[in-house]
Amino acid sequence: SHVFQAAFLCYDKIVVHSLHRFFDKGFDMRRIAALLSAIWLGMHIGFGYIVAPIIFTRLQNLPDGKMMAGNIAGSLFHIVNWVGLLAWLLIFLIAKDSNRQTYQRTRLPFWTGLLLGLLAINEWLITPVIEAIKTNQTNWLHNLIGGRMGLWHGMSSIIHLIIAVIGLCLCIRLLRLDELRR
């Protein structure tokens, strides 16, 4: 409960700060990138660490409740992965176009590319394996590597956490909150 409150307050401060920067200083593509990253980060953390556990808790006593909760959570993760892929691709292009010399000297392209790669891996490699295991179908990657549902779900969860940490750091960088230390 305290963790959720702290996470919500942190997200709230990031979004509010982003909205203030966006509206106070006028229209700027960099501000749009910061706003997109803050919105996506809230979706990513909210779905993964707040909504999905609540869905599983609420549906666990129903017949086939675990399967139903898994399907709902899977749909939510699918949405947040696609939003993330589109948002971070747009952020990558905005940042690259807005200031080429500064952009080349930062590590922003590397971390944005890594984030995009991890989102793609989770969406197009790991999620199809989980779906195949749930429906007792075959998948080329599962046939190649093997493993049970717990292994693939664990890998997806670890990647989800890594994506959240990288996304938070990039969001802070895009909002220029790290400049407050100077």
N, C-alpha and C. Protein backbone atom coordinates (compact mmCIF):
# COMPACT_ATOMS: atom_id res chain seq x y z
N SER A 1 0.81 -1.18 0.00
CA SER A 1 0.00 0.00 0.00
C SER A 1 0.87 1.26 0.00
N HIS A 2 1.90 1.29 0.86
CA HIS A 2 2.78 2.46 0.89
C HIS A 2 3.61 2.56 -0.38
N VAL A 3 3.99 1.41 -0.93
CA VAL A 3 4.76 1.41 -2.17
C VAL A 3 3.92 1.99 -3.31
N PHE A 4 2.64 1.57 -3.37
CA PHE A 4 1.75 2.08 -4.41
C PHE A 4 1.53 3.58 -4.26
N GLN A 5 1.37 4.05 -3.01
CA GLN A 5 1.18 5.48 -2.78
C GLN A 5 2.42 6.26 -3.20
N ALA A 6 3.59 5.75 -2.84
CA ALA A 6 4.84 6.42 -3.22
C ALA A 6 5.01 6.45 -4.74
N ALA A 7 4.70 5.32 -5.39
CA ALA A 7 4.81 5.25 -6.85
C ALA A 7 3.83 6.23 -7.50
N PHE A 8 2.62 6.30 -6.97
CA PHE A 8 1.63 7.22 -7.53
C PHE A 8 2.06 8.66 -7.34
N LEU A 9 2.57 9.00 -6.15
CA LEU A 9 3.03 10.37 -5.91
C LEU A 9 4.18 10.75 -6.83
N CYS A 10 5.12 9.82 -7.04
CA CYS A 10 6.24 10.06 -7.94
C CYS A 10 5.72 10.29 -9.36
N TYR A 11 4.84 9.43 -9.81
CA TYR A 11 4.26 9.57 -11.15
C TYR A 11 3.50 10.89 -11.27
N ASP A 12 2.72 11.21 -10.23
CA ASP A 12 1.95 12.44 -10.23
C ASP A 12 2.86 13.65 -10.36
N LYS A 13 3.97 13.67 -9.62
CA LYS A 13 4.90 14.79 -9.70
C LYS A 13 5.53 14.90 -11.08
N ILE A 14 5.87 13.76 -11.68
CA ILE A 14 6.47 13.78 -13.01
C ILE A 14 5.48 14.31 -14.03
N VAL A 15 4.24 13.84 -13.99
CA VAL A 15 3.23 14.29 -14.96
C VAL A 15 2.91 15.76 -14.75
N VAL A 16 2.73 16.16 -13.49
CA VAL A 16 2.42 17.56 -13.22
C VAL A 16 3.57 18.45 -13.67
N HIS A 17 4.81 18.07 -13.37
CA HIS A 17 5.97 18.84 -13.81
C HIS A 17 6.01 18.91 -15.33
N SER A 18 5.74 17.78 -15.98
CA SER A 18 5.75 17.75 -17.43
C SER A 18 4.67 18.65 -18.01
N LEU A 19 3.47 18.62 -17.44
CA LEU A 19 2.39 19.47 -17.93
C LEU A 19 2.71 20.95 -17.72
N HIS A 20 3.29 21.29 -16.57
CA HIS A 20 3.67 22.68 -16.33
C HIS A 20 4.71 23.14 -17.35
N ARG A 21 5.73 22.33 -17.60
CA ARG A 21 6.76 22.71 -18.57
C ARG A 21 6.15 22.84 -19.97
N PHE A 22 5.21 21.95 -20.27
CA PHE A 22 4.59 21.94 -21.59
C PHE A 22 3.78 23.20 -21.83
N PHE A 23 2.92 23.56 -20.88
CA PHE A 23 2.02 24.69 -21.09
C PHE A 23 2.63 26.04 -20.75
N ASP A 24 3.55 26.09 -19.80
CA ASP A 24 4.14 27.36 -19.40
C ASP A 24 5.09 27.93 -20.44
N LYS A 25 5.77 27.08 -21.17
CA LYS A 25 6.81 27.57 -22.06
C LYS A 25 6.45 27.45 -23.53
N GLY A 26 5.22 27.12 -23.82
CA GLY A 26 4.81 27.09 -25.22
C GLY A 26 5.05 25.74 -25.89
N PHE A 27 4.74 25.70 -27.15
CA PHE A 27 4.80 24.48 -27.95
C PHE A 27 6.24 24.17 -28.35
N ASP A 28 6.69 22.99 -28.01
CA ASP A 28 8.05 22.57 -28.33
C ASP A 28 8.04 21.05 -28.46
N MET A 29 8.69 20.53 -29.48
CA MET A 29 8.70 19.08 -29.71
C MET A 29 9.36 18.34 -28.55
N ARG A 30 10.35 18.94 -27.92
CA ARG A 30 11.01 18.30 -26.77
C ARG A 30 10.04 18.14 -25.61
N ARG A 31 9.17 19.13 -25.43
CA ARG A 31 8.17 19.03 -24.36
C ARG A 31 7.14 17.95 -24.68
N ILE A 32 6.82 17.82 -25.95
CA ILE A 32 5.91 16.73 -26.34
C ILE A 32 6.56 15.38 -26.04
N ALA A 33 7.84 15.25 -26.32
CA ALA A 33 8.56 14.01 -26.01
C ALA A 33 8.54 13.73 -24.52
N ALA A 34 8.75 14.75 -23.70
CA ALA A 34 8.73 14.57 -22.25
C ALA A 34 7.34 14.17 -21.77
N LEU A 35 6.32 14.79 -22.32
CA LEU A 35 4.95 14.46 -21.95
C LEU A 35 4.60 13.04 -22.37
N LEU A 36 4.97 12.65 -23.58
CA LEU A 36 4.74 11.27 -24.03
C LEU A 36 5.43 10.26 -23.12
N SER A 37 6.67 10.55 -22.74
CA SER A 37 7.40 9.61 -21.89
C SER A 37 6.76 9.49 -20.52
N ALA A 38 6.28 10.60 -19.97
CA ALA A 38 5.64 10.57 -18.65
C ALA A 38 4.32 9.80 -18.69
N ILE A 39 3.55 10.02 -19.73
CA ILE A 39 2.27 9.29 -19.86
C ILE A 39 2.52 7.80 -20.03
N TRP A 40 3.47 7.44 -20.92
CA TRP A 40 3.77 6.03 -21.13
C TRP A 40 4.31 5.40 -19.84
N LEU A 41 5.18 6.10 -19.13
CA LEU A 41 5.75 5.55 -17.89
C LEU A 41 4.66 5.24 -16.88
N GLY A 42 3.69 6.14 -16.75
CA GLY A 42 2.57 5.89 -15.85
C GLY A 42 1.77 4.67 -16.26
N MET A 43 1.53 4.53 -17.55
CA MET A 43 0.82 3.34 -18.04
C MET A 43 1.62 2.08 -17.75
N HIS A 44 2.91 2.12 -18.05
CA HIS A 44 3.77 0.95 -17.91
C HIS A 44 3.83 0.49 -16.45
N ILE A 45 4.09 1.42 -15.56
CA ILE A 45 4.19 1.07 -14.13
C ILE A 45 2.81 0.76 -13.57
N GLY A 46 1.81 1.56 -13.94
CA GLY A 46 0.46 1.34 -13.42
C GLY A 46 -0.12 0.00 -13.81
N PHE A 47 -0.02 -0.37 -15.09
CA PHE A 47 -0.56 -1.66 -15.53
C PHE A 47 0.21 -2.81 -14.91
N GLY A 48 1.53 -2.70 -14.89
CA GLY A 48 2.34 -3.83 -14.44
C GLY A 48 2.36 -4.07 -12.95
N TYR A 49 2.32 -3.00 -12.17
CA TYR A 49 2.52 -3.15 -10.73
C TYR A 49 1.32 -2.77 -9.89
N ILE A 50 0.27 -2.25 -10.51
CA ILE A 50 -0.93 -1.92 -9.75
C ILE A 50 -2.15 -2.64 -10.32
N VAL A 51 -2.43 -2.45 -11.60
CA VAL A 51 -3.65 -2.99 -12.21
C VAL A 51 -3.61 -4.51 -12.31
N ALA A 52 -2.53 -5.08 -12.84
CA ALA A 52 -2.46 -6.53 -13.03
C ALA A 52 -2.59 -7.29 -11.71
N PRO A 53 -1.87 -6.91 -10.63
CA PRO A 53 -2.07 -7.63 -9.37
C PRO A 53 -3.50 -7.52 -8.83
N ILE A 54 -4.14 -6.37 -9.02
CA ILE A 54 -5.53 -6.21 -8.57
C ILE A 54 -6.45 -7.13 -9.35
N ILE A 55 -6.24 -7.21 -10.66
CA ILE A 55 -7.07 -8.09 -11.50
C ILE A 55 -6.93 -9.54 -11.04
N PHE A 56 -5.70 -9.99 -10.81
CA PHE A 56 -5.50 -11.38 -10.37
C PHE A 56 -6.12 -11.62 -9.00
N THR A 57 -6.01 -10.64 -8.10
CA THR A 57 -6.59 -10.80 -6.76
C THR A 57 -8.11 -10.87 -6.83
N ARG A 58 -8.71 -10.02 -7.63
CA ARG A 58 -10.18 -9.97 -7.70
C ARG A 58 -10.78 -11.17 -8.42
N LEU A 59 -10.08 -11.73 -9.39
CA LEU A 59 -10.66 -12.81 -10.19
C LEU A 59 -10.21 -14.20 -9.76
N GLN A 60 -9.35 -14.31 -8.77
CA GLN A 60 -8.78 -15.62 -8.43
C GLN A 60 -9.80 -16.63 -7.93
N ASN A 61 -10.91 -16.20 -7.33
CA ASN A 61 -11.90 -17.13 -6.79
C ASN A 61 -12.96 -17.55 -7.80
N LEU A 62 -12.97 -16.94 -8.97
CA LEU A 62 -13.94 -17.33 -10.00
C LEU A 62 -13.46 -18.57 -10.74
N PRO A 63 -14.38 -19.34 -11.28
CA PRO A 63 -13.94 -20.45 -12.13
C PRO A 63 -13.21 -19.89 -13.36
N ASP A 64 -12.09 -20.43 -13.65
CA ASP A 64 -11.22 -19.92 -14.73
C ASP A 64 -10.82 -18.47 -14.53
N GLY A 65 -10.84 -18.01 -13.28
CA GLY A 65 -10.51 -16.63 -12.98
C GLY A 65 -9.07 -16.29 -13.27
N LYS A 66 -8.17 -17.25 -12.99
CA LYS A 66 -6.75 -17.01 -13.25
C LYS A 66 -6.49 -16.85 -14.74
N MET A 67 -7.14 -17.68 -15.54
CA MET A 67 -6.99 -17.60 -16.99
C MET A 67 -7.59 -16.29 -17.52
N MET A 68 -8.75 -15.91 -16.98
CA MET A 68 -9.39 -14.67 -17.39
C MET A 68 -8.51 -13.46 -17.01
N ALA A 69 -7.98 -13.48 -15.79
CA ALA A 69 -7.10 -12.39 -15.34
C ALA A 69 -5.85 -12.31 -16.22
N GLY A 70 -5.29 -13.46 -16.57
CA GLY A 70 -4.13 -13.49 -17.45
C GLY A 70 -4.42 -12.91 -18.82
N ASN A 71 -5.60 -13.22 -19.34
CA ASN A 71 -6.00 -12.67 -20.65
C ASN A 71 -6.18 -11.16 -20.59
N ILE A 72 -6.81 -10.66 -19.51
CA ILE A 72 -6.99 -9.22 -19.37
C ILE A 72 -5.64 -8.53 -19.21
N ALA A 73 -4.80 -9.07 -18.33
CA ALA A 73 -3.46 -8.49 -18.12
C ALA A 73 -2.65 -8.53 -19.41
N GLY A 74 -2.73 -9.63 -20.14
CA GLY A 74 -2.02 -9.74 -21.41
C GLY A 74 -2.46 -8.68 -22.40
N SER A 75 -3.77 -8.41 -22.45
CA SER A 75 -4.28 -7.35 -23.33
C SER A 75 -3.75 -5.98 -22.92
N LEU A 76 -3.72 -5.73 -21.61
CA LEU A 76 -3.20 -4.45 -21.13
C LEU A 76 -1.72 -4.30 -21.45
N PHE A 77 -0.94 -5.37 -21.26
CA PHE A 77 0.49 -5.31 -21.57
C PHE A 77 0.72 -5.13 -23.07
N HIS A 78 -0.13 -5.74 -23.87
CA HIS A 78 -0.04 -5.56 -25.32
C HIS A 78 -0.24 -4.09 -25.68
N ILE A 79 -1.25 -3.47 -25.08
CA ILE A 79 -1.53 -2.05 -25.35
C ILE A 79 -0.36 -1.18 -24.90
N VAL A 80 0.13 -1.40 -23.68
CA VAL A 80 1.21 -0.55 -23.17
C VAL A 80 2.50 -0.77 -23.95
N ASN A 81 2.75 -1.99 -24.42
CA ASN A 81 3.94 -2.23 -25.25
C ASN A 81 3.85 -1.47 -26.57
N TRP A 82 2.69 -1.51 -27.21
CA TRP A 82 2.54 -0.80 -28.48
C TRP A 82 2.61 0.71 -28.30
N VAL A 83 1.97 1.21 -27.25
CA VAL A 83 2.06 2.64 -26.96
C VAL A 83 3.52 3.02 -26.71
N GLY A 84 4.23 2.17 -25.95
CA GLY A 84 5.64 2.43 -25.68
C GLY A 84 6.49 2.41 -26.93
N LEU A 85 6.27 1.44 -27.79
CA LEU A 85 7.03 1.38 -29.04
C LEU A 85 6.80 2.62 -29.89
N LEU A 86 5.55 3.02 -30.03
CA LEU A 86 5.25 4.21 -30.83
C LEU A 86 5.77 5.49 -30.17
N ALA A 87 5.55 5.62 -28.86
CA ALA A 87 5.98 6.83 -28.16
C ALA A 87 7.50 6.97 -28.18
N TRP A 88 8.22 5.89 -27.88
CA TRP A 88 9.69 5.99 -27.80
C TRP A 88 10.32 6.12 -29.19
N LEU A 89 9.68 5.56 -30.20
CA LEU A 89 10.17 5.80 -31.56
C LEU A 89 10.01 7.27 -31.93
N LEU A 90 8.86 7.83 -31.59
CA LEU A 90 8.62 9.25 -31.84
C LEU A 90 9.60 10.11 -31.02
N ILE A 91 9.82 9.75 -29.77
CA ILE A 91 10.77 10.48 -28.92
C ILE A 91 12.17 10.40 -29.52
N PHE A 92 12.55 9.22 -29.98
CA PHE A 92 13.86 9.03 -30.60
C PHE A 92 14.02 9.96 -31.79
N LEU A 93 12.99 10.02 -32.64
CA LEU A 93 13.05 10.87 -33.83
C LEU A 93 13.02 12.36 -33.48
N ILE A 94 12.21 12.74 -32.49
CA ILE A 94 12.14 14.14 -32.05
C ILE A 94 13.49 14.58 -31.49
N ALA A 95 14.05 13.77 -30.62
CA ALA A 95 15.32 14.13 -29.99
C ALA A 95 16.43 14.21 -31.02
N LYS A 96 16.43 13.30 -31.97
CA LYS A 96 17.47 13.29 -32.99
C LYS A 96 17.36 14.51 -33.90
N ASP A 97 16.14 14.88 -34.22
CA ASP A 97 15.93 15.98 -35.15
C ASP A 97 16.09 17.35 -34.49
N SER A 98 15.72 17.45 -33.19
CA SER A 98 15.69 18.77 -32.56
C SER A 98 17.08 19.35 -32.29
N ASN A 99 18.04 18.53 -31.97
CA ASN A 99 19.37 19.07 -31.68
C ASN A 99 20.41 17.99 -31.98
N ARG A 100 20.83 17.91 -33.21
CA ARG A 100 21.70 16.84 -33.67
C ARG A 100 23.04 16.79 -32.94
N GLN A 101 23.69 17.91 -32.72
CA GLN A 101 25.02 17.89 -32.11
C GLN A 101 24.96 17.47 -30.65
N THR A 102 24.02 18.04 -29.89
CA THR A 102 23.87 17.66 -28.48
C THR A 102 23.44 16.21 -28.38
N TYR A 103 22.55 15.81 -29.24
CA TYR A 103 22.02 14.45 -29.24
C TYR A 103 23.12 13.42 -29.46
N GLN A 104 24.03 13.70 -30.36
CA GLN A 104 25.10 12.75 -30.66
C GLN A 104 26.07 12.60 -29.49
N ARG A 105 26.22 13.65 -28.67
CA ARG A 105 27.16 13.59 -27.55
C ARG A 105 26.56 12.95 -26.31
N THR A 106 25.26 12.75 -26.27
CA THR A 106 24.63 12.14 -25.09
C THR A 106 24.47 10.64 -25.31
N ARG A 107 24.06 9.99 -24.27
CA ARG A 107 23.78 8.55 -24.35
C ARG A 107 22.30 8.29 -24.61
N LEU A 108 21.56 9.34 -24.88
CA LEU A 108 20.12 9.21 -25.14
C LEU A 108 19.81 8.25 -26.28
N PRO A 109 20.54 8.29 -27.41
CA PRO A 109 20.22 7.34 -28.49
C PRO A 109 20.40 5.89 -28.06
N PHE A 110 21.45 5.61 -27.29
CA PHE A 110 21.70 4.23 -26.85
C PHE A 110 20.57 3.74 -25.95
N TRP A 111 20.23 4.54 -24.93
CA TRP A 111 19.22 4.09 -23.97
C TRP A 111 17.83 4.03 -24.59
N THR A 112 17.53 4.96 -25.49
CA THR A 112 16.25 4.91 -26.17
C THR A 112 16.18 3.68 -27.08
N GLY A 113 17.28 3.40 -27.78
CA GLY A 113 17.33 2.21 -28.62
C GLY A 113 17.22 0.92 -27.81
N LEU A 114 17.89 0.89 -26.66
CA LEU A 114 17.80 -0.29 -25.78
C LEU A 114 16.37 -0.47 -25.28
N LEU A 115 15.73 0.62 -24.89
CA LEU A 115 14.35 0.55 -24.43
C LEU A 115 13.43 0.04 -25.53
N LEU A 116 13.60 0.56 -26.74
CA LEU A 116 12.81 0.08 -27.88
C LEU A 116 13.05 -1.40 -28.15
N GLY A 117 14.33 -1.81 -28.08
CA GLY A 117 14.66 -3.22 -28.30
C GLY A 117 14.03 -4.13 -27.26
N LEU A 118 14.07 -3.73 -25.99
CA LEU A 118 13.47 -4.55 -24.93
C LEU A 118 11.95 -4.61 -25.06
N LEU A 119 11.33 -3.49 -25.42
CA LEU A 119 9.88 -3.50 -25.66
C LEU A 119 9.53 -4.46 -26.80
N ALA A 120 10.33 -4.41 -27.87
CA ALA A 120 10.09 -5.29 -29.02
C ALA A 120 10.29 -6.74 -28.64
N ILE A 121 11.33 -7.05 -27.88
CA ILE A 121 11.58 -8.43 -27.45
C ILE A 121 10.42 -8.95 -26.62
N ASN A 122 9.95 -8.13 -25.69
CA ASN A 122 8.85 -8.55 -24.84
C ASN A 122 7.56 -8.75 -25.64
N GLU A 123 7.33 -7.86 -26.59
CA GLU A 123 6.08 -7.93 -27.37
C GLU A 123 6.10 -9.02 -28.43
N TRP A 124 7.20 -9.15 -29.16
CA TRP A 124 7.20 -10.03 -30.32
C TRP A 124 7.92 -11.36 -30.13
N LEU A 125 8.67 -11.52 -29.05
CA LEU A 125 9.34 -12.80 -28.81
C LEU A 125 8.78 -13.52 -27.58
N ILE A 126 8.73 -12.84 -26.46
CA ILE A 126 8.35 -13.52 -25.21
C ILE A 126 6.83 -13.69 -25.09
N THR A 127 6.07 -12.65 -25.41
CA THR A 127 4.61 -12.74 -25.28
C THR A 127 4.02 -13.85 -26.16
N PRO A 128 4.45 -14.04 -27.40
CA PRO A 128 3.91 -15.16 -28.18
C PRO A 128 4.22 -16.54 -27.57
N VAL A 129 5.36 -16.66 -26.92
CA VAL A 129 5.68 -17.93 -26.25
C VAL A 129 4.72 -18.16 -25.09
N ILE A 130 4.47 -17.12 -24.30
CA ILE A 130 3.53 -17.24 -23.17
C ILE A 130 2.14 -17.61 -23.68
N GLU A 131 1.71 -16.96 -24.74
CA GLU A 131 0.40 -17.28 -25.33
C GLU A 131 0.36 -18.73 -25.83
N ALA A 132 1.43 -19.17 -26.46
CA ALA A 132 1.48 -20.55 -26.96
C ALA A 132 1.42 -21.56 -25.81
N ILE A 133 2.12 -21.29 -24.73
CA ILE A 133 2.09 -22.19 -23.58
C ILE A 133 0.69 -22.23 -22.97
N LYS A 134 0.04 -21.06 -22.86
CA LYS A 134 -1.31 -21.00 -22.27
C LYS A 134 -2.33 -21.78 -23.10
N THR A 135 -2.17 -21.75 -24.41
CA THR A 135 -3.15 -22.40 -25.30
C THR A 135 -2.69 -23.77 -25.80
N ASN A 136 -1.59 -24.28 -25.24
CA ASN A 136 -1.04 -25.59 -25.63
C ASN A 136 -0.74 -25.67 -27.13
N GLN A 137 -0.19 -24.60 -27.67
CA GLN A 137 0.22 -24.59 -29.07
C GLN A 137 1.74 -24.56 -29.14
N THR A 138 2.27 -24.66 -30.34
CA THR A 138 3.72 -24.63 -30.49
C THR A 138 4.17 -23.23 -30.87
N ASN A 139 5.41 -22.94 -30.54
CA ASN A 139 6.04 -21.67 -30.88
C ASN A 139 7.49 -21.98 -31.18
N TRP A 140 8.05 -21.36 -32.20
CA TRP A 140 9.41 -21.67 -32.63
C TRP A 140 10.43 -21.41 -31.53
N LEU A 141 10.26 -20.31 -30.79
CA LEU A 141 11.23 -19.98 -29.74
C LEU A 141 11.11 -20.94 -28.56
N HIS A 142 9.90 -21.30 -28.22
CA HIS A 142 9.69 -22.27 -27.14
C HIS A 142 10.23 -23.63 -27.55
N ASN A 143 10.06 -24.01 -28.81
CA ASN A 143 10.63 -25.27 -29.29
C ASN A 143 12.15 -25.25 -29.23
N LEU A 144 12.74 -24.09 -29.50
CA LEU A 144 14.19 -23.95 -29.51
C LEU A 144 14.78 -23.95 -28.10
N ILE A 145 14.17 -23.18 -27.18
CA ILE A 145 14.73 -23.01 -25.84
C ILE A 145 14.06 -23.91 -24.81
N GLY A 146 12.76 -24.11 -24.94
CA GLY A 146 12.04 -24.91 -23.95
C GLY A 146 11.63 -24.05 -22.77
N GLY A 147 11.32 -24.68 -21.66
CA GLY A 147 10.93 -23.97 -20.45
C GLY A 147 9.43 -23.99 -20.23
N ARG A 148 9.09 -23.75 -18.98
CA ARG A 148 7.68 -23.72 -18.60
C ARG A 148 7.18 -22.28 -18.52
N MET A 149 5.91 -22.18 -18.20
CA MET A 149 5.25 -20.87 -18.12
C MET A 149 5.98 -19.97 -17.12
N GLY A 150 6.38 -20.49 -15.99
CA GLY A 150 7.05 -19.69 -14.96
C GLY A 150 8.33 -19.05 -15.46
N LEU A 151 9.11 -19.79 -16.24
CA LEU A 151 10.35 -19.25 -16.79
C LEU A 151 10.08 -18.08 -17.72
N TRP A 152 9.14 -18.25 -18.63
CA TRP A 152 8.84 -17.21 -19.62
C TRP A 152 8.16 -16.01 -18.96
N HIS A 153 7.28 -16.26 -18.01
CA HIS A 153 6.64 -15.17 -17.29
C HIS A 153 7.67 -14.41 -16.46
N GLY A 154 8.61 -15.12 -15.85
CA GLY A 154 9.67 -14.48 -15.10
C GLY A 154 10.57 -13.62 -15.97
N MET A 155 10.93 -14.13 -17.16
CA MET A 155 11.75 -13.33 -18.07
C MET A 155 10.99 -12.07 -18.49
N SER A 156 9.72 -12.21 -18.77
CA SER A 156 8.91 -11.06 -19.17
C SER A 156 8.83 -10.04 -18.02
N SER A 157 8.69 -10.53 -16.80
CA SER A 157 8.61 -9.63 -15.64
C SER A 157 9.92 -8.89 -15.41
N ILE A 158 11.04 -9.58 -15.57
CA ILE A 158 12.35 -8.94 -15.41
C ILE A 158 12.55 -7.88 -16.49
N ILE A 159 12.21 -8.21 -17.72
CA ILE A 159 12.33 -7.22 -18.80
C ILE A 159 11.41 -6.03 -18.54
N HIS A 160 10.21 -6.30 -18.03
CA HIS A 160 9.26 -5.22 -17.70
C HIS A 160 9.88 -4.28 -16.66
N LEU A 161 10.53 -4.84 -15.65
CA LEU A 161 11.16 -4.03 -14.61
C LEU A 161 12.33 -3.22 -15.18
N ILE A 162 13.17 -3.85 -16.00
CA ILE A 162 14.30 -3.14 -16.62
C ILE A 162 13.79 -2.00 -17.50
N ILE A 163 12.73 -2.26 -18.25
CA ILE A 163 12.13 -1.21 -19.10
C ILE A 163 11.64 -0.06 -18.23
N ALA A 164 11.02 -0.38 -17.09
CA ALA A 164 10.51 0.68 -16.20
C ALA A 164 11.64 1.55 -15.67
N VAL A 165 12.75 0.93 -15.27
CA VAL A 165 13.89 1.69 -14.73
C VAL A 165 14.51 2.57 -15.82
N ILE A 166 14.75 1.99 -16.99
CA ILE A 166 15.32 2.78 -18.10
C ILE A 166 14.35 3.89 -18.49
N GLY A 167 13.06 3.57 -18.56
CA GLY A 167 12.06 4.59 -18.91
C GLY A 167 12.01 5.71 -17.90
N LEU A 168 12.11 5.38 -16.61
CA LEU A 168 12.12 6.42 -15.58
C LEU A 168 13.33 7.33 -15.73
N CYS A 169 14.50 6.73 -15.94
CA CYS A 169 15.72 7.54 -16.13
C CYS A 169 15.62 8.43 -17.37
N LEU A 170 15.11 7.88 -18.46
CA LEU A 170 14.95 8.68 -19.67
C LEU A 170 13.91 9.78 -19.49
N CYS A 171 12.85 9.46 -18.77
CA CYS A 171 11.80 10.46 -18.52
C CYS A 171 12.37 11.61 -17.69
N ILE A 172 13.15 11.29 -16.67
CA ILE A 172 13.79 12.33 -15.86
C ILE A 172 14.72 13.16 -16.73
N ARG A 173 15.46 12.50 -17.59
CA ARG A 173 16.39 13.22 -18.48
C ARG A 173 15.63 14.13 -19.44
N LEU A 174 14.54 13.62 -20.00
CA LEU A 174 13.77 14.44 -20.94
C LEU A 174 13.10 15.62 -20.24
N LEU A 175 12.71 15.42 -18.99
CA LEU A 175 12.11 16.51 -18.23
C LEU A 175 13.16 17.45 -17.65
N ARG A 176 14.42 17.06 -17.80
CA ARG A 176 15.55 17.84 -17.29
C ARG A 176 15.50 18.02 -15.79
N LEU A 177 14.93 17.02 -15.07
CA LEU A 177 14.92 17.08 -13.63
C LEU A 177 16.31 16.88 -13.06
N ASP A 178 17.18 16.24 -13.84
CA ASP A 178 18.54 16.01 -13.36
C ASP A 178 19.34 17.31 -13.31
N GLU A 179 18.88 18.35 -13.96
CA GLU A 179 19.59 19.64 -13.92
C GLU A 179 19.38 20.37 -12.60
N LEU A 180 18.41 19.93 -11.80
CA LEU A 180 18.15 20.57 -10.52
C LEU A 180 19.32 20.37 -9.55
N ARG A 181 20.15 19.36 -9.78
CA ARG A 181 21.28 19.08 -8.91
C ARG A 181 22.39 20.11 -9.09
N ARG A 182 22.44 20.78 -10.19
CA ARG A 182 23.54 21.73 -10.48
C ARG A 182 23.42 22.99 -9.65
